[in-house]
Full PDB file with SEQRES, HELIX, SHEET, SSBOND, CRYST1, ORIGX, SCALE, CONECT and MASTER records, all heavy atoms in Angstrom:
SEQRES   1 A   41  ARG ALA PRO LEU ASP GLY GLY VAL GLY ALA ASN ILE PRO          
SEQRES   2 A   41  VAL VAL THR ASP ARG THR ILE ARG ARG ASP GLY PRO PHE          
SEQRES   3 A   41  PRO VAL SER GLU THR GLY SER LEU THR ALA VAL PRO ASP          
SEQRES   4 A   41  ASP PRO                                                      
SHEET    1 AA1 3 ALA A   2  ASP A   5  0                                        
SHEET    2 AA1 3 ASN A  11  ASP A  23 -1                                        
SHEET    3 AA1 3 PHE A  26  ALA A  36 -1                                        
CRYST1    1.000    1.000    1.000  90.00  90.00  90.00 P 1           1          
ORIGX1      1.000000  0.000000  0.000000        0.00000                         
ORIGX2      0.000000  1.000000  0.000000        0.00000                         
ORIGX3      0.000000  0.000000  1.000000        0.00000                         
SCALE1      1.000000  0.000000  0.000000        0.00000                         
SCALE2      0.000000  1.000000  0.000000        0.00000                         
SCALE3      0.000000  0.000000  1.000000        0.00000                         
ATOM      1  N   ARG A   1     152.214 220.175-104.609  1.00  0.00           N  
ATOM      2  CA  ARG A   1     152.650 220.527-105.958  1.00  0.00           C  
ATOM      3  C   ARG A   1     154.002 221.227-105.877  1.00  0.00           C  
ATOM      4  O   ARG A   1     154.198 222.111-105.060  1.00  0.00           O  
ATOM      5  CB  ARG A   1     151.618 221.444-106.618  1.00  0.00           C  
ATOM      6  CG  ARG A   1     152.020 221.959-107.993  1.00  0.00           C  
ATOM      7  CD  ARG A   1     150.868 222.717-108.623  1.00  0.00           C  
ATOM      8  NE  ARG A   1     151.283 223.411-109.838  1.00  0.00           N  
ATOM      9  CZ  ARG A   1     150.489 223.677-110.857  1.00  0.00           C  
ATOM     10  NH1 ARG A   1     149.227 223.298-110.818  1.00  0.00           N  
ATOM     11  NH2 ARG A   1     150.935 224.313-111.917  1.00  0.00           N  
ATOM     12  N   ALA A   2     154.929 220.777-106.724  1.00  0.00           N  
ATOM     13  CA  ALA A   2     156.261 221.373-106.745  1.00  0.00           C  
ATOM     14  C   ALA A   2     156.877 221.125-108.107  1.00  0.00           C  
ATOM     15  O   ALA A   2     156.564 220.129-108.771  1.00  0.00           O  
ATOM     16  CB  ALA A   2     157.141 220.769-105.651  1.00  0.00           C  
ATOM     17  N   PRO A   3     157.758 222.019-108.570  1.00  0.00           N  
ATOM     18  CA  PRO A   3     158.413 221.798-109.862  1.00  0.00           C  
ATOM     19  C   PRO A   3     159.492 220.725-109.754  1.00  0.00           C  
ATOM     20  O   PRO A   3     160.261 220.682-108.802  1.00  0.00           O  
ATOM     21  CB  PRO A   3     159.018 223.165-110.192  1.00  0.00           C  
ATOM     22  CG  PRO A   3     159.242 223.803-108.858  1.00  0.00           C  
ATOM     23  CD  PRO A   3     158.125 223.302-107.972  1.00  0.00           C  
ATOM     24  N   LEU A   4     159.520 219.842-110.751  1.00  0.00           N  
ATOM     25  CA  LEU A   4     160.556 218.829-110.855  1.00  0.00           C  
ATOM     26  C   LEU A   4     161.108 218.849-112.273  1.00  0.00           C  
ATOM     27  O   LEU A   4     160.417 219.224-113.222  1.00  0.00           O  
ATOM     28  CB  LEU A   4     160.001 217.434-110.545  1.00  0.00           C  
ATOM     29  CG  LEU A   4     159.614 217.131-109.097  1.00  0.00           C  
ATOM     30  CD1 LEU A   4     159.069 215.718-108.999  1.00  0.00           C  
ATOM     31  CD2 LEU A   4     160.812 217.293-108.174  1.00  0.00           C  
ATOM     32  N   ASP A   5     162.345 218.412-112.434  1.00  0.00           N  
ATOM     33  CA  ASP A   5     162.959 218.341-113.750  1.00  0.00           C  
ATOM     34  C   ASP A   5     162.292 217.229-114.552  1.00  0.00           C  
ATOM     35  O   ASP A   5     162.380 216.060-114.193  1.00  0.00           O  
ATOM     36  CB  ASP A   5     164.457 218.073-113.616  1.00  0.00           C  
ATOM     37  CG  ASP A   5     165.177 218.092-114.956  1.00  0.00           C  
ATOM     38  OD1 ASP A   5     164.498 218.275-115.987  1.00  0.00           O  
ATOM     39  OD2 ASP A   5     166.407 217.924-114.970  1.00  0.00           O  
ATOM     40  N   GLY A   6     161.616 217.609-115.607  1.00  0.00           N  
ATOM     41  CA  GLY A   6     160.930 216.625-116.425  1.00  0.00           C  
ATOM     42  C   GLY A   6     161.807 215.976-117.469  1.00  0.00           C  
ATOM     43  O   GLY A   6     161.327 215.198-118.294  1.00  0.00           O  
ATOM     44  N   GLY A   7     163.098 216.295-117.476  1.00  0.00           N  
ATOM     45  CA  GLY A   7     163.996 215.685-118.437  1.00  0.00           C  
ATOM     46  C   GLY A   7     163.927 216.310-119.812  1.00  0.00           C  
ATOM     47  O   GLY A   7     164.446 215.769-120.778  1.00  0.00           O  
ATOM     48  N   VAL A   8     163.273 217.465-119.916  1.00  0.00           N  
ATOM     49  CA  VAL A   8     163.155 218.138-121.212  1.00  0.00           C  
ATOM     50  C   VAL A   8     163.717 219.549-121.116  1.00  0.00           C  
ATOM     51  O   VAL A   8     163.356 220.432-121.876  1.00  0.00           O  
ATOM     52  CB  VAL A   8     161.679 218.177-121.690  1.00  0.00           C  
ATOM     53  CG1 VAL A   8     161.211 216.789-122.041  1.00  0.00           C  
ATOM     54  CG2 VAL A   8     160.786 218.814-120.623  1.00  0.00           C  
ATOM     55  N   GLY A   9     164.598 219.764-120.132  1.00  0.00           N  
ATOM     56  CA  GLY A   9     165.259 221.055-120.024  1.00  0.00           C  
ATOM     57  C   GLY A   9     164.444 222.114-119.323  1.00  0.00           C  
ATOM     58  O   GLY A   9     164.757 223.293-119.413  1.00  0.00           O  
ATOM     59  N   ALA A  10     163.378 221.721-118.648  1.00  0.00           N  
ATOM     60  CA  ALA A  10     162.541 222.705-117.945  1.00  0.00           C  
ATOM     61  C   ALA A  10     161.963 222.060-116.695  1.00  0.00           C  
ATOM     62  O   ALA A  10     161.699 220.864-116.661  1.00  0.00           O  
ATOM     63  CB  ALA A  10     161.415 223.200-118.846  1.00  0.00           C  
ATOM     64  N   ASN A  11     161.736 222.859-115.665  1.00  0.00           N  
ATOM     65  CA  ASN A  11     161.090 222.368-114.460  1.00  0.00           C  
ATOM     66  C   ASN A  11     159.581 222.363-114.673  1.00  0.00           C  
ATOM     67  O   ASN A  11     158.973 223.403-114.935  1.00  0.00           O  
ATOM     68  CB  ASN A  11     161.443 223.241-113.257  1.00  0.00           C  
ATOM     69  CG  ASN A  11     162.850 222.961-112.763  1.00  0.00           C  
ATOM     70  OD1 ASN A  11     163.376 221.879-112.962  1.00  0.00           O  
ATOM     71  ND2 ASN A  11     163.453 223.939-112.120  1.00  0.00           N  
ATOM     72  N   ILE A  12     158.980 221.197-114.577  1.00  0.00           N  
ATOM     73  CA  ILE A  12     157.560 221.023-114.835  1.00  0.00           C  
ATOM     74  C   ILE A  12     156.830 220.894-113.507  1.00  0.00           C  
ATOM     75  O   ILE A  12     157.247 220.127-112.634  1.00  0.00           O  
ATOM     76  CB  ILE A  12     157.324 219.764-115.690  1.00  0.00           C  
ATOM     77  CG1 ILE A  12     157.970 219.947-117.078  1.00  0.00           C  
ATOM     78  CG2 ILE A  12     155.842 219.459-115.832  1.00  0.00           C  
ATOM     79  CD1 ILE A  12     157.895 218.724-117.934  1.00  0.00           C  
ATOM     80  N   PRO A  13     155.726 221.633-113.313  1.00  0.00           N  
ATOM     81  CA  PRO A  13     154.954 221.452-112.081  1.00  0.00           C  
ATOM     82  C   PRO A  13     154.426 220.018-111.987  1.00  0.00           C  
ATOM     83  O   PRO A  13     153.882 219.476-112.948  1.00  0.00           O  
ATOM     84  CB  PRO A  13     153.805 222.456-112.232  1.00  0.00           C  
ATOM     85  CG  PRO A  13     154.288 223.451-113.236  1.00  0.00           C  
ATOM     86  CD  PRO A  13     155.165 222.680-114.176  1.00  0.00           C  
ATOM     87  N   VAL A  14     154.612 219.421-110.809  1.00  0.00           N  
ATOM     88  CA  VAL A  14     154.219 218.026-110.597  1.00  0.00           C  
ATOM     89  C   VAL A  14     153.431 217.935-109.301  1.00  0.00           C  
ATOM     90  O   VAL A  14     153.811 218.524-108.283  1.00  0.00           O  
ATOM     91  CB  VAL A  14     155.454 217.108-110.528  1.00  0.00           C  
ATOM     92  CG1 VAL A  14     155.068 215.705-110.108  1.00  0.00           C  
ATOM     93  CG2 VAL A  14     156.153 217.078-111.881  1.00  0.00           C  
ATOM     94  N   VAL A  15     152.330 217.195-109.334  1.00  0.00           N  
ATOM     95  CA  VAL A  15     151.551 216.917-108.131  1.00  0.00           C  
ATOM     96  C   VAL A  15     151.959 215.543-107.610  1.00  0.00           C  
ATOM     97  O   VAL A  15     151.906 214.545-108.343  1.00  0.00           O  
ATOM     98  CB  VAL A  15     150.039 216.957-108.421  1.00  0.00           C  
ATOM     99  CG1 VAL A  15     149.255 216.527-107.180  1.00  0.00           C  
ATOM    100  CG2 VAL A  15     149.617 218.351-108.850  1.00  0.00           C  
ATOM    101  N   THR A  16     152.396 215.505-106.357  1.00  0.00           N  
ATOM    102  CA  THR A  16     152.768 214.253-105.702  1.00  0.00           C  
ATOM    103  C   THR A  16     151.685 213.874-104.709  1.00  0.00           C  
ATOM    104  O   THR A  16     151.312 214.682-103.853  1.00  0.00           O  
ATOM    105  CB  THR A  16     154.110 214.392-104.962  1.00  0.00           C  
ATOM    106  OG1 THR A  16     155.136 214.741-105.896  1.00  0.00           O  
ATOM    107  CG2 THR A  16     154.491 213.091-104.265  1.00  0.00           C  
ATOM    108  N   ASP A  17     151.151 212.669-104.826  1.00  0.00           N  
ATOM    109  CA  ASP A  17     150.174 212.124-103.878  1.00  0.00           C  
ATOM    110  C   ASP A  17     150.775 210.895-103.225  1.00  0.00           C  
ATOM    111  O   ASP A  17     151.262 209.993-103.929  1.00  0.00           O  
ATOM    112  CB  ASP A  17     148.875 211.730-104.591  1.00  0.00           C  
ATOM    113  CG  ASP A  17     148.096 212.926-105.097  1.00  0.00           C  
ATOM    114  OD1 ASP A  17     147.551 213.662-104.265  1.00  0.00           O  
ATOM    115  OD2 ASP A  17     148.042 213.120-106.327  1.00  0.00           O  
ATOM    116  N   ARG A  18     150.747 210.839-101.894  1.00  0.00           N  
ATOM    117  CA  ARG A  18     151.294 209.684-101.188  1.00  0.00           C  
ATOM    118  C   ARG A  18     150.378 209.294-100.028  1.00  0.00           C  
ATOM    119  O   ARG A  18     149.860 210.160 -99.327  1.00  0.00           O  
ATOM    120  CB  ARG A  18     152.692 209.978-100.645  1.00  0.00           C  
ATOM    121  CG  ARG A  18     153.735 210.231-101.710  1.00  0.00           C  
ATOM    122  CD  ARG A  18     155.084 210.577-101.106  1.00  0.00           C  
ATOM    123  NE  ARG A  18     155.663 209.451-100.381  1.00  0.00           N  
ATOM    124  CZ  ARG A  18     156.779 209.532 -99.661  1.00  0.00           C  
ATOM    125  NH1 ARG A  18     157.416 210.694 -99.558  1.00  0.00           N  
ATOM    126  NH2 ARG A  18     157.253 208.472 -99.037  1.00  0.00           N  
ATOM    127  N   THR A  19     150.186 208.003 -99.857  1.00  0.00           N  
ATOM    128  CA  THR A  19     149.486 207.462 -98.695  1.00  0.00           C  
ATOM    129  C   THR A  19     150.374 206.377 -98.104  1.00  0.00           C  
ATOM    130  O   THR A  19     150.698 205.392 -98.779  1.00  0.00           O  
ATOM    131  CB  THR A  19     148.118 206.882 -99.081  1.00  0.00           C  
ATOM    132  OG1 THR A  19     147.294 207.928 -99.600  1.00  0.00           O  
ATOM    133  CG2 THR A  19     147.435 206.270 -97.871  1.00  0.00           C  
ATOM    134  N   ILE A  20     150.778 206.569 -96.853  1.00  0.00           N  
ATOM    135  CA  ILE A  20     151.745 205.685 -96.191  1.00  0.00           C  
ATOM    136  C   ILE A  20     151.096 205.109 -94.940  1.00  0.00           C  
ATOM    137  O   ILE A  20     150.435 205.826 -94.181  1.00  0.00           O  
ATOM    138  CB  ILE A  20     153.013 206.471 -95.794  1.00  0.00           C  
ATOM    139  CG1 ILE A  20     153.625 207.158 -97.022  1.00  0.00           C  
ATOM    140  CG2 ILE A  20     154.033 205.555 -95.123  1.00  0.00           C  
ATOM    141  CD1 ILE A  20     154.674 208.195 -96.683  1.00  0.00           C  
ATOM    142  N   ARG A  21     151.289 203.824 -94.739  1.00  0.00           N  
ATOM    143  CA  ARG A  21     150.862 203.193 -93.485  1.00  0.00           C  
ATOM    144  C   ARG A  21     152.089 202.858 -92.661  1.00  0.00           C  
ATOM    145  O   ARG A  21     153.080 202.334 -93.193  1.00  0.00           O  
ATOM    146  CB  ARG A  21     150.044 201.935 -93.749  1.00  0.00           C  
ATOM    147  CG  ARG A  21     148.610 202.199 -94.204  1.00  0.00           C  
ATOM    148  CD  ARG A  21     147.858 200.898 -94.379  1.00  0.00           C  
ATOM    149  NE  ARG A  21     147.905 200.100 -93.166  1.00  0.00           N  
ATOM    150  CZ  ARG A  21     147.684 198.779 -93.135  1.00  0.00           C  
ATOM    151  NH1 ARG A  21     147.439 198.119 -94.234  1.00  0.00           N  
ATOM    152  NH2 ARG A  21     147.742 198.130 -91.982  1.00  0.00           N  
ATOM    153  N   ARG A  22     152.032 203.167 -91.372  1.00  0.00           N  
ATOM    154  CA  ARG A  22     153.123 202.863 -90.458  1.00  0.00           C  
ATOM    155  C   ARG A  22     152.578 202.235 -89.174  1.00  0.00           C  
ATOM    156  O   ARG A  22     151.458 202.518 -88.747  1.00  0.00           O  
ATOM    157  CB  ARG A  22     153.908 204.127 -90.074  1.00  0.00           C  
ATOM    158  CG  ARG A  22     154.597 204.830 -91.213  1.00  0.00           C  
ATOM    159  CD  ARG A  22     155.536 205.928 -90.711  1.00  0.00           C  
ATOM    160  NE  ARG A  22     156.055 206.708 -91.829  1.00  0.00           N  
ATOM    161  CZ  ARG A  22     155.649 207.935 -92.120  1.00  0.00           C  
ATOM    162  NH1 ARG A  22     154.768 208.535 -91.360  1.00  0.00           N  
ATOM    163  NH2 ARG A  22     156.152 208.562 -93.160  1.00  0.00           N  
ATOM    164  N   ASP A  23     153.410 201.416 -88.574  1.00  0.00           N  
ATOM    165  CA  ASP A  23     153.178 200.895 -87.231  1.00  0.00           C  
ATOM    166  C   ASP A  23     154.179 201.609 -86.341  1.00  0.00           C  
ATOM    167  O   ASP A  23     155.353 201.231 -86.287  1.00  0.00           O  
ATOM    168  CB  ASP A  23     153.381 199.383 -87.219  1.00  0.00           C  
ATOM    169  CG  ASP A  23     153.205 198.775 -85.832  1.00  0.00           C  
ATOM    170  OD1 ASP A  23     152.793 199.507 -84.908  1.00  0.00           O  
ATOM    171  OD2 ASP A  23     153.508 197.582 -85.663  1.00  0.00           O  
ATOM    172  N   GLY A  24     153.742 202.681 -85.658  1.00  0.00           N  
ATOM    173  CA  GLY A  24     154.695 203.559 -84.998  1.00  0.00           C  
ATOM    174  C   GLY A  24     155.569 204.193 -86.070  1.00  0.00           C  
ATOM    175  O   GLY A  24     155.076 204.669 -87.095  1.00  0.00           O  
ATOM    176  N   PRO A  25     156.897 204.157 -85.914  1.00  0.00           N  
ATOM    177  CA  PRO A  25     157.777 204.719 -86.947  1.00  0.00           C  
ATOM    178  C   PRO A  25     158.151 203.714 -88.032  1.00  0.00           C  
ATOM    179  O   PRO A  25     158.890 204.050 -88.963  1.00  0.00           O  
ATOM    180  CB  PRO A  25     159.017 205.118 -86.144  1.00  0.00           C  
ATOM    181  CG  PRO A  25     159.080 204.090 -85.067  1.00  0.00           C  
ATOM    182  CD  PRO A  25     157.639 203.785 -84.694  1.00  0.00           C  
ATOM    183  N   PHE A  26     157.623 202.483 -87.938  1.00  0.00           N  
ATOM    184  CA  PHE A  26     158.049 201.418 -88.841  1.00  0.00           C  
ATOM    185  C   PHE A  26     157.111 201.350 -90.052  1.00  0.00           C  
ATOM    186  O   PHE A  26     155.894 201.225 -89.895  1.00  0.00           O  
ATOM    187  CB  PHE A  26     158.081 200.078 -88.109  1.00  0.00           C  
ATOM    188  CG  PHE A  26     158.865 200.125 -86.834  1.00  0.00           C  
ATOM    189  CD1 PHE A  26     158.232 200.003 -85.605  1.00  0.00           C  
ATOM    190  CD2 PHE A  26     160.242 200.335 -86.862  1.00  0.00           C  
ATOM    191  CE1 PHE A  26     158.948 200.067 -84.424  1.00  0.00           C  
ATOM    192  CE2 PHE A  26     160.971 200.400 -85.676  1.00  0.00           C  
ATOM    193  CZ  PHE A  26     160.325 200.270 -84.459  1.00  0.00           C  
ATOM    194  N   PRO A  27     157.661 201.416 -91.266  1.00  0.00           N  
ATOM    195  CA  PRO A  27     156.810 201.448 -92.461  1.00  0.00           C  
ATOM    196  C   PRO A  27     156.136 200.111 -92.716  1.00  0.00           C  
ATOM    197  O   PRO A  27     156.716 199.046 -92.463  1.00  0.00           O  
ATOM    198  CB  PRO A  27     157.790 201.799 -93.581  1.00  0.00           C  
ATOM    199  CG  PRO A  27     159.104 201.263 -93.113  1.00  0.00           C  
ATOM    200  CD  PRO A  27     159.094 201.447 -91.618  1.00  0.00           C  
ATOM    201  N   VAL A  28     154.910 200.166 -93.244  1.00  0.00           N  
ATOM    202  CA  VAL A  28     154.146 198.967 -93.581  1.00  0.00           C  
ATOM    203  C   VAL A  28     153.861 198.922 -95.087  1.00  0.00           C  
ATOM    204  O   VAL A  28     154.115 197.920 -95.745  1.00  0.00           O  
ATOM    205  CB  VAL A  28     152.820 198.916 -92.788  1.00  0.00           C  
ATOM    206  CG1 VAL A  28     151.977 197.718 -93.224  1.00  0.00           C  
ATOM    207  CG2 VAL A  28     153.093 198.867 -91.289  1.00  0.00           C  
ATOM    208  N   SER A  29     153.309 200.013 -95.630  1.00  0.00           N  
ATOM    209  CA  SER A  29     152.997 200.037 -97.053  1.00  0.00           C  
ATOM    210  C   SER A  29     152.866 201.479 -97.527  1.00  0.00           C  
ATOM    211  O   SER A  29     152.734 202.409 -96.726  1.00  0.00           O  
ATOM    212  CB  SER A  29     151.697 199.278 -97.354  1.00  0.00           C  
ATOM    213  OG  SER A  29     150.590 199.924 -96.734  1.00  0.00           O  
ATOM    214  N   GLU A  30     152.913 201.640 -98.849  1.00  0.00           N  
ATOM    215  CA  GLU A  30     152.745 202.967 -99.441  1.00  0.00           C  
ATOM    216  C   GLU A  30     152.185 202.833-100.846  1.00  0.00           C  
ATOM    217  O   GLU A  30     152.548 201.917-101.595  1.00  0.00           O  
ATOM    218  CB  GLU A  30     154.072 203.722 -99.504  1.00  0.00           C  
ATOM    219  CG  GLU A  30     153.955 205.071-100.207  1.00  0.00           C  
ATOM    220  CD  GLU A  30     155.238 205.875-100.231  1.00  0.00           C  
ATOM    221  OE1 GLU A  30     156.166 205.533 -99.455  1.00  0.00           O  
ATOM    222  OE2 GLU A  30     155.333 206.835-101.010  1.00  0.00           O  
ATOM    223  N   THR A  31     151.275 203.737-101.204  1.00  0.00           N  
ATOM    224  CA  THR A  31     150.867 203.937-102.582  1.00  0.00           C  
ATOM    225  C   THR A  31     151.091 205.406-102.906  1.00  0.00           C  
ATOM    226  O   THR A  31     150.980 206.272-102.035  1.00  0.00           O  
ATOM    227  CB  THR A  31     149.388 203.580-102.818  1.00  0.00           C  
ATOM    228  OG1 THR A  31     148.568 204.385-101.945  1.00  0.00           O  
ATOM    229  CG2 THR A  31     149.124 202.118-102.541  1.00  0.00           C  
ATOM    230  N   GLY A  32     151.435 205.679-104.157  1.00  0.00           N  
ATOM    231  CA  GLY A  32     151.695 207.076-104.507  1.00  0.00           C  
ATOM    232  C   GLY A  32     151.696 207.288-105.999  1.00  0.00           C  
ATOM    233  O   GLY A  32     151.645 206.343-106.794  1.00  0.00           O  
ATOM    234  N   SER A  33     151.725 208.554-106.375  1.00  0.00           N  
ATOM    235  CA  SER A  33     151.770 208.900-107.785  1.00  0.00           C  
ATOM    236  C   SER A  33     152.426 210.251-107.974  1.00  0.00           C  
ATOM    237  O   SER A  33     152.403 211.108-107.089  1.00  0.00           O  
ATOM    238  CB  SER A  33     150.354 208.930-108.386  1.00  0.00           C  
ATOM    239  OG  SER A  33     149.589 209.982-107.815  1.00  0.00           O  
ATOM    240  N   LEU A  34     153.033 210.419-109.149  1.00  0.00           N  
ATOM    241  CA  LEU A  34     153.525 211.701-109.625  1.00  0.00           C  
ATOM    242  C   LEU A  34     152.760 212.034-110.893  1.00  0.00           C  
ATOM    243  O   LEU A  34     152.694 211.219-111.818  1.00  0.00           O  
ATOM    244  CB  LEU A  34     155.030 211.645-109.952  1.00  0.00           C  
ATOM    245  CG  LEU A  34     156.019 211.471-108.808  1.00  0.00           C  
ATOM    246  CD1 LEU A  34     157.428 211.332-109.369  1.00  0.00           C  
ATOM    247  CD2 LEU A  34     155.950 212.666-107.869  1.00  0.00           C  
ATOM    248  N   THR A  35     152.162 213.221-110.942  1.00  0.00           N  
ATOM    249  CA  THR A  35     151.381 213.631-112.105  1.00  0.00           C  
ATOM    250  C   THR A  35     151.864 214.985-112.579  1.00  0.00           C  
ATOM    251  O   THR A  35     151.785 215.971-111.844  1.00  0.00           O  
ATOM    252  CB  THR A  35     149.876 213.708-111.776  1.00  0.00           C  
ATOM    253  OG1 THR A  35     149.448 212.458-111.229  1.00  0.00           O  
ATOM    254  CG2 THR A  35     149.070 214.027-113.023  1.00  0.00           C  
ATOM    255  N   ALA A  36     152.389 215.050-113.796  1.00  0.00           N  
ATOM    256  CA  ALA A  36     152.857 216.313-114.361  1.00  0.00           C  
ATOM    257  C   ALA A  36     151.664 217.171-114.770  1.00  0.00           C  
ATOM    258  O   ALA A  36     150.688 216.671-115.332  1.00  0.00           O  
ATOM    259  CB  ALA A  36     153.755 216.047-115.570  1.00  0.00           C  
ATOM    260  N   VAL A  37     151.751 218.458-114.466  1.00  0.00           N  
ATOM    261  CA  VAL A  37     150.685 219.404-114.832  1.00  0.00           C  
ATOM    262  C   VAL A  37     151.334 220.624-115.495  1.00  0.00           C  
ATOM    263  O   VAL A  37     151.265 221.743-114.972  1.00  0.00           O  
ATOM    264  CB  VAL A  37     149.842 219.807-113.606  1.00  0.00           C  
ATOM    265  CG1 VAL A  37     148.911 218.686-113.198  1.00  0.00           C  
ATOM    266  CG2 VAL A  37     150.734 220.191-112.424  1.00  0.00           C  
ATOM    267  N   PRO A  38     151.954 220.455-116.672  1.00  0.00           N  
ATOM    268  CA  PRO A  38     152.668 221.564-117.319  1.00  0.00           C  
ATOM    269  C   PRO A  38     151.708 222.637-117.817  1.00  0.00           C  
ATOM    270  O   PRO A  38     150.575 222.347-118.214  1.00  0.00           O  
ATOM    271  CB  PRO A  38     153.382 220.877-118.486  1.00  0.00           C  
ATOM    272  CG  PRO A  38     152.534 219.690-118.798  1.00  0.00           C  
ATOM    273  CD  PRO A  38     152.000 219.218-117.466  1.00  0.00           C  
ATOM    274  N   ASP A  39     152.178 223.876-117.778  1.00  0.00           N  
ATOM    275  CA  ASP A  39     151.382 224.969-118.331  1.00  0.00           C  
ATOM    276  C   ASP A  39     151.238 224.817-119.845  1.00  0.00           C  
ATOM    277  O   ASP A  39     150.214 225.178-120.418  1.00  0.00           O  
ATOM    278  CB  ASP A  39     152.033 226.317-118.002  1.00  0.00           C  
ATOM    279  CG  ASP A  39     152.079 226.573-116.504  1.00  0.00           C  
ATOM    280  OD1 ASP A  39     151.138 226.134-115.812  1.00  0.00           O  
ATOM    281  OD2 ASP A  39     153.046 227.192-116.031  1.00  0.00           O  
ATOM    282  N   ASP A  40     152.266 224.277-120.480  1.00  0.00           N  
ATOM    283  CA  ASP A  40     152.265 224.043-121.922  1.00  0.00           C  
ATOM    284  C   ASP A  40     152.201 222.541-122.160  1.00  0.00           C  
ATOM    285  O   ASP A  40     153.159 221.832-121.871  1.00  0.00           O  
ATOM    286  CB  ASP A  40     153.527 224.628-122.558  1.00  0.00           C  
ATOM    287  CG  ASP A  40     153.582 224.415-124.057  1.00  0.00           C  
ATOM    288  OD1 ASP A  40     152.628 223.812-124.610  1.00  0.00           O  
ATOM    289  OD2 ASP A  40     154.572 224.850-124.681  1.00  0.00           O  
ATOM    290  N   PRO A  41     151.088 222.015-122.701  1.00  0.00           N  
ATOM    291  CA  PRO A  41     150.977 220.565-122.920  1.00  0.00           C  
ATOM    292  C   PRO A  41     152.091 219.998-123.783  1.00  0.00           C  
ATOM    293  O   PRO A  41     152.426 218.813-123.678  1.00  0.00           O  
ATOM    294  CB  PRO A  41     149.617 220.423-123.608  1.00  0.00           C  
ATOM    295  CG  PRO A  41     148.841 221.633-123.191  1.00  0.00           C  
ATOM    296  CD  PRO A  41     149.861 222.730-123.070  1.00  0.00           C  
TER     297      PRO A  41                                                      
MASTER        0    0    0    0    3    0    0    6  296    1    0    4          
END                                                                             
């Protein structure tokens, strides 16, 4: 969780989830999401 600029003039807390597959250092695939969790809806 880290604050990111939500484009509304305020830093909004955001949860980043990532799952990455690699073969050694070489990337294979990734799924991920960004989910805003503002204190004020």
